[in-house]
Amino acid sequence: MKIAKDFRWEMAHRLQCHKGKCFNLHGHSYKMQVEFDGATDPNTGMVLDYFDVKDIVGPLVDELDHSVIISDKDSILIDKISELNSAHVIVPFETTAENLVGYFLGKIAGEKLPKEITKIKVRVCETENTYAEDEIII
């Protein structure tokens, strides 16, 4: 059985590795879908309660909402955003959609999950028509 929940947030970033417009600081309305595969609990009839999904994923999204996510190698942006006293999160990777998927997968898989959960899949949509996704078998 599979269940899924969608999350949305607003966030800015820039890609130092990009040779085009994405090198510039810009923002997106992100959407993420998190799927959990596993056996249905015979007592509850659920794979995982949607309230539990929100408790697991919600704080991760809340930390990023209306902030700037910055690679720890982007010292110029870190200094300028800090100078503005603006909300930001520093991460040890280039802030591509692909790397965000890995970030979320790692955080979610690190949570205490019911033993019945066998797979987690994360899809991060950076725009209406672009996304990256990956999954992890537990």
C-alpha atoms as a PDB file:
ATOM      1  CA  MET A   1       0.000   0.000   0.000  1.00  0.00           C
ATOM      2  CA  LYS A   2       1.148   3.560  -0.648  1.00  0.00           C
ATOM      3  CA  ILE A   3       0.104   6.871   0.878  1.00  0.00           C
ATOM      4  CA  ALA A   4       1.239  10.376  -0.057  1.00  0.00           C
ATOM      5  CA  LYS A   5       1.000  13.929   1.215  1.00  0.00           C
ATOM      6  CA  ASP A   6       1.825  17.201  -0.554  1.00  0.00           C
ATOM      7  CA  PHE A   7       3.656  20.148   0.989  1.00  0.00           C
ATOM      8  CA  ARG A   8       4.235  23.669  -0.357  1.00  0.00           C
ATOM      9  CA  TRP A   9       6.614  26.493   0.542  1.00  0.00           C
ATOM     10  CA  GLU A  10       8.286  29.593  -0.843  1.00  0.00           C
ATOM     11  CA  MET A  11      12.077  29.723  -0.904  1.00  0.00           C
ATOM     12  CA  ALA A  12      14.941  31.555  -2.585  1.00  0.00           C
ATOM     13  CA  HIS A  13      18.276  30.188  -3.720  1.00  0.00           C
ATOM     14  CA  ARG A  14      20.956  30.537  -6.345  1.00  0.00           C
ATOM     15  CA  LEU A  15      23.116  28.013  -8.139  1.00  0.00           C
ATOM     16  CA  GLN A  16      26.784  28.926  -8.219  1.00  0.00           C
ATOM     17  CA  CYS A  17      27.366  26.100 -10.699  1.00  0.00           C
ATOM     18  CA  HIS A  18      24.880  27.538 -13.214  1.00  0.00           C
ATOM     19  CA  LYS A  19      26.051  29.433 -16.291  1.00  0.00           C
ATOM     20  CA  GLY A  20      22.662  31.057 -16.899  1.00  0.00           C
ATOM     21  CA  LYS A  21      19.971  32.953 -15.011  1.00  0.00           C
ATOM     22  CA  CYS A  22      19.854  30.505 -12.100  1.00  0.00           C
ATOM     23  CA  PHE A  23      23.215  31.866 -10.946  1.00  0.00           C
ATOM     24  CA  ASN A  24      21.215  34.892  -9.759  1.00  0.00           C
ATOM     25  CA  LEU A  25      19.386  34.879  -6.444  1.00  0.00           C
ATOM     26  CA  HIS A  26      15.769  33.963  -7.239  1.00  0.00           C
ATOM     27  CA  GLY A  27      12.794  32.219  -5.681  1.00  0.00           C
ATOM     28  CA  HIS A  28      10.373  29.404  -6.357  1.00  0.00           C
ATOM     29  CA  SER A  29       7.016  28.206  -5.112  1.00  0.00           C
ATOM     30  CA  TYR A  30       8.110  24.688  -4.240  1.00  0.00           C
ATOM     31  CA  LYS A  31       5.846  21.677  -4.008  1.00  0.00           C
ATOM     32  CA  MET A  32       6.900  18.367  -2.554  1.00  0.00           C
ATOM     33  CA  GLN A  33       5.113  15.049  -2.508  1.00  0.00           C
ATOM     34  CA  VAL A  34       6.224  12.469   0.031  1.00  0.00           C
ATOM     35  CA  GLU A  35       5.103   8.857  -0.422  1.00  0.00           C
ATOM     36  CA  PHE A  36       5.346   6.048   2.099  1.00  0.00           C
ATOM     37  CA  ASP A  37       5.025   2.408   1.054  1.00  0.00           C
ATOM     38  CA  GLY A  38       4.290  -0.282   3.580  1.00  0.00           C
ATOM     39  CA  ALA A  39       1.881  -2.749   5.045  1.00  0.00           C
ATOM     40  CA  THR A  40      -1.460  -1.536   6.333  1.00  0.00           C
ATOM     41  CA  ASP A  41      -1.727  -1.798  10.105  1.00  0.00           C
ATOM     42  CA  PRO A  42      -4.618  -4.202  10.759  1.00  0.00           C
ATOM     43  CA  ASN A  43      -5.627  -2.257  13.898  1.00  0.00           C
ATOM     44  CA  THR A  44      -5.809   1.182  12.284  1.00  0.00           C
ATOM     45  CA  GLY A  45      -6.265   0.367   8.603  1.00  0.00           C
ATOM     46  CA  MET A  46      -3.461   2.847   7.817  1.00  0.00           C
ATOM     47  CA  VAL A  47       0.088   2.673   6.521  1.00  0.00           C
ATOM     48  CA  LEU A  48       0.868   5.845   8.457  1.00  0.00           C
ATOM     49  CA  ASP A  49      -1.488   8.446   9.884  1.00  0.00           C
ATOM     50  CA  TYR A  50      -1.472  11.646   7.778  1.00  0.00           C
ATOM     51  CA  PHE A  51      -1.109  13.627  11.007  1.00  0.00           C
ATOM     52  CA  ASP A  52       2.124  11.706  11.658  1.00  0.00           C
ATOM     53  CA  VAL A  53       3.309  12.487   8.129  1.00  0.00           C
ATOM     54  CA  LYS A  54       2.690  16.175   8.810  1.00  0.00           C
ATOM     55  CA  ASP A  55       4.548  15.915  12.142  1.00  0.00           C
ATOM     56  CA  ILE A  56       7.546  14.335  10.390  1.00  0.00           C
ATOM     57  CA  VAL A  57       7.756  16.487   7.251  1.00  0.00           C
ATOM     58  CA  GLY A  58       6.096  19.732   8.351  1.00  0.00           C
ATOM     59  CA  PRO A  59       8.986  21.033  10.500  1.00  0.00           C
ATOM     60  CA  LEU A  60      11.452  20.452   7.654  1.00  0.00           C
ATOM     61  CA  VAL A  61       9.297  22.498   5.299  1.00  0.00           C
ATOM     62  CA  ASP A  62       8.584  25.174   7.926  1.00  0.00           C
ATOM     63  CA  GLU A  63      12.324  25.729   8.415  1.00  0.00           C
ATOM     64  CA  LEU A  64      12.728  26.488   4.701  1.00  0.00           C
ATOM     65  CA  ASP A  65       9.512  28.448   4.081  1.00  0.00           C
ATOM     66  CA  HIS A  66      10.156  32.104   3.236  1.00  0.00           C
ATOM     67  CA  SER A  67      13.891  31.684   3.661  1.00  0.00           C
ATOM     68  CA  VAL A  68      16.984  31.518   1.494  1.00  0.00           C
ATOM     69  CA  ILE A  69      18.689  28.142   1.212  1.00  0.00           C
ATOM     70  CA  ILE A  70      22.417  28.613   0.684  1.00  0.00           C
ATOM     71  CA  SER A  71      25.270  26.253  -0.118  1.00  0.00           C
ATOM     72  CA  ASP A  72      27.969  26.405   2.543  1.00  0.00           C
ATOM     73  CA  LYS A  73      30.440  27.194  -0.271  1.00  0.00           C
ATOM     74  CA  ASP A  74      28.602  30.423  -1.189  1.00  0.00           C
ATOM     75  CA  SER A  75      30.350  32.687   1.317  1.00  0.00           C
ATOM     76  CA  ILE A  76      29.333  35.892  -0.474  1.00  0.00           C
ATOM     77  CA  LEU A  77      25.604  35.121  -0.250  1.00  0.00           C
ATOM     78  CA  ILE A  78      25.929  33.879   3.337  1.00  0.00           C
ATOM     79  CA  ASP A  79      27.572  37.183   4.335  1.00  0.00           C
ATOM     80  CA  LYS A  80      25.016  39.365   2.522  1.00  0.00           C
ATOM     81  CA  ILE A  81      21.926  37.493   3.765  1.00  0.00           C
ATOM     82  CA  SER A  82      23.336  37.452   7.304  1.00  0.00           C
ATOM     83  CA  GLU A  83      23.973  41.194   7.049  1.00  0.00           C
ATOM     84  CA  LEU A  84      20.302  41.659   6.157  1.00  0.00           C
ATOM     85  CA  ASN A  85      19.329  39.477   9.139  1.00  0.00           C
ATOM     86  CA  SER A  86      17.140  37.515   6.753  1.00  0.00           C
ATOM     87  CA  ALA A  87      15.953  33.950   7.340  1.00  0.00           C
ATOM     88  CA  HIS A  88      18.291  31.425   5.779  1.00  0.00           C
ATOM     89  CA  VAL A  89      19.401  27.816   5.989  1.00  0.00           C
ATOM     90  CA  ILE A  90      22.956  26.790   5.132  1.00  0.00           C
ATOM     91  CA  VAL A  91      23.399  23.323   3.630  1.00  0.00           C
ATOM     92  CA  PRO A  92      26.454  21.313   2.536  1.00  0.00           C
ATOM     93  CA  PHE A  93      25.371  21.022  -1.106  1.00  0.00           C
ATOM     94  CA  GLU A  94      24.474  23.012  -4.208  1.00  0.00           C
ATOM     95  CA  THR A  95      20.771  23.821  -3.862  1.00  0.00           C
ATOM     96  CA  THR A  96      19.466  21.994  -6.927  1.00  0.00           C
ATOM     97  CA  ALA A  97      16.103  20.219  -6.930  1.00  0.00           C
ATOM     98  CA  GLU A  98      17.983  16.918  -7.092  1.00  0.00           C
ATOM     99  CA  ASN A  99      19.980  17.707  -3.967  1.00  0.00           C
ATOM    100  CA  LEU A 100      16.866  18.928  -2.157  1.00  0.00           C
ATOM    101  CA  VAL A 101      15.275  15.535  -2.796  1.00  0.00           C
ATOM    102  CA  GLY A 102      18.282  13.835  -1.212  1.00  0.00           C
ATOM    103  CA  TYR A 103      18.184  16.270   1.711  1.00  0.00           C
ATOM    104  CA  PHE A 104      14.533  15.516   2.435  1.00  0.00           C
ATOM    105  CA  LEU A 105      14.930  11.764   1.926  1.00  0.00           C
ATOM    106  CA  GLY A 106      17.801  11.675   4.408  1.00  0.00           C
ATOM    107  CA  LYS A 107      15.924  13.694   7.011  1.00  0.00           C
ATOM    108  CA  ILE A 108      12.682  11.721   6.675  1.00  0.00           C
ATOM    109  CA  ALA A 109      14.411   8.324   6.675  1.00  0.00           C
ATOM    110  CA  GLY A 110      16.238   9.398   9.843  1.00  0.00           C
ATOM    111  CA  GLU A 111      12.950   9.810  11.706  1.00  0.00           C
ATOM    112  CA  LYS A 112      11.419   7.094  13.846  1.00  0.00           C
ATOM    113  CA  LEU A 113       9.040   5.380  11.427  1.00  0.00           C
ATOM    114  CA  PRO A 114       6.833   2.331  11.919  1.00  0.00           C
ATOM    115  CA  LYS A 115       8.610  -0.904  10.979  1.00  0.00           C
ATOM    116  CA  GLU A 116       5.923  -1.533   8.338  1.00  0.00           C
ATOM    117  CA  ILE A 117       7.272   1.325   6.173  1.00  0.00           C
ATOM    118  CA  THR A 118       9.382  -0.221   3.408  1.00  0.00           C
ATOM    119  CA  LYS A 119      10.000   2.691   1.022  1.00  0.00           C
ATOM    120  CA  ILE A 120       9.980   6.487   1.003  1.00  0.00           C
ATOM    121  CA  LYS A 121       9.736   8.484  -2.203  1.00  0.00           C
ATOM    122  CA  VAL A 122      10.184  12.250  -2.458  1.00  0.00           C
ATOM    123  CA  ARG A 123       9.338  14.448  -5.434  1.00  0.00           C
ATOM    124  CA  VAL A 124      10.331  18.124  -5.336  1.00  0.00           C
ATOM    125  CA  CYS A 125       8.726  20.411  -7.936  1.00  0.00           C
ATOM    126  CA  GLU A 126      10.682  23.599  -8.443  1.00  0.00           C
ATOM    127  CA  THR A 127       8.203  24.961 -10.972  1.00  0.00           C
ATOM    128  CA  GLU A 128       4.869  23.798 -12.395  1.00  0.00           C
ATOM    129  CA  ASN A 129       6.608  21.713 -15.034  1.00  0.00           C
ATOM    130  CA  THR A 130       9.932  20.612 -13.504  1.00  0.00           C
ATOM    131  CA  TYR A 131      10.695  18.137 -10.753  1.00  0.00           C
ATOM    132  CA  ALA A 132      13.271  15.763  -9.346  1.00  0.00           C
ATOM    133  CA  GLU A 133      12.464  12.591  -7.429  1.00  0.00           C
ATOM    134  CA  ASP A 134      14.164   9.682  -5.762  1.00  0.00           C
ATOM    135  CA  GLU A 135      13.301   6.948  -3.314  1.00  0.00           C
ATOM    136  CA  ILE A 136      14.920   4.988  -0.559  1.00  0.00           C
ATOM    137  CA  ILE A 137      14.211   1.419   0.489  1.00  0.00           C
ATOM    138  CA  ILE A 138      14.185   1.036   4.241  1.00  0.00           C
END
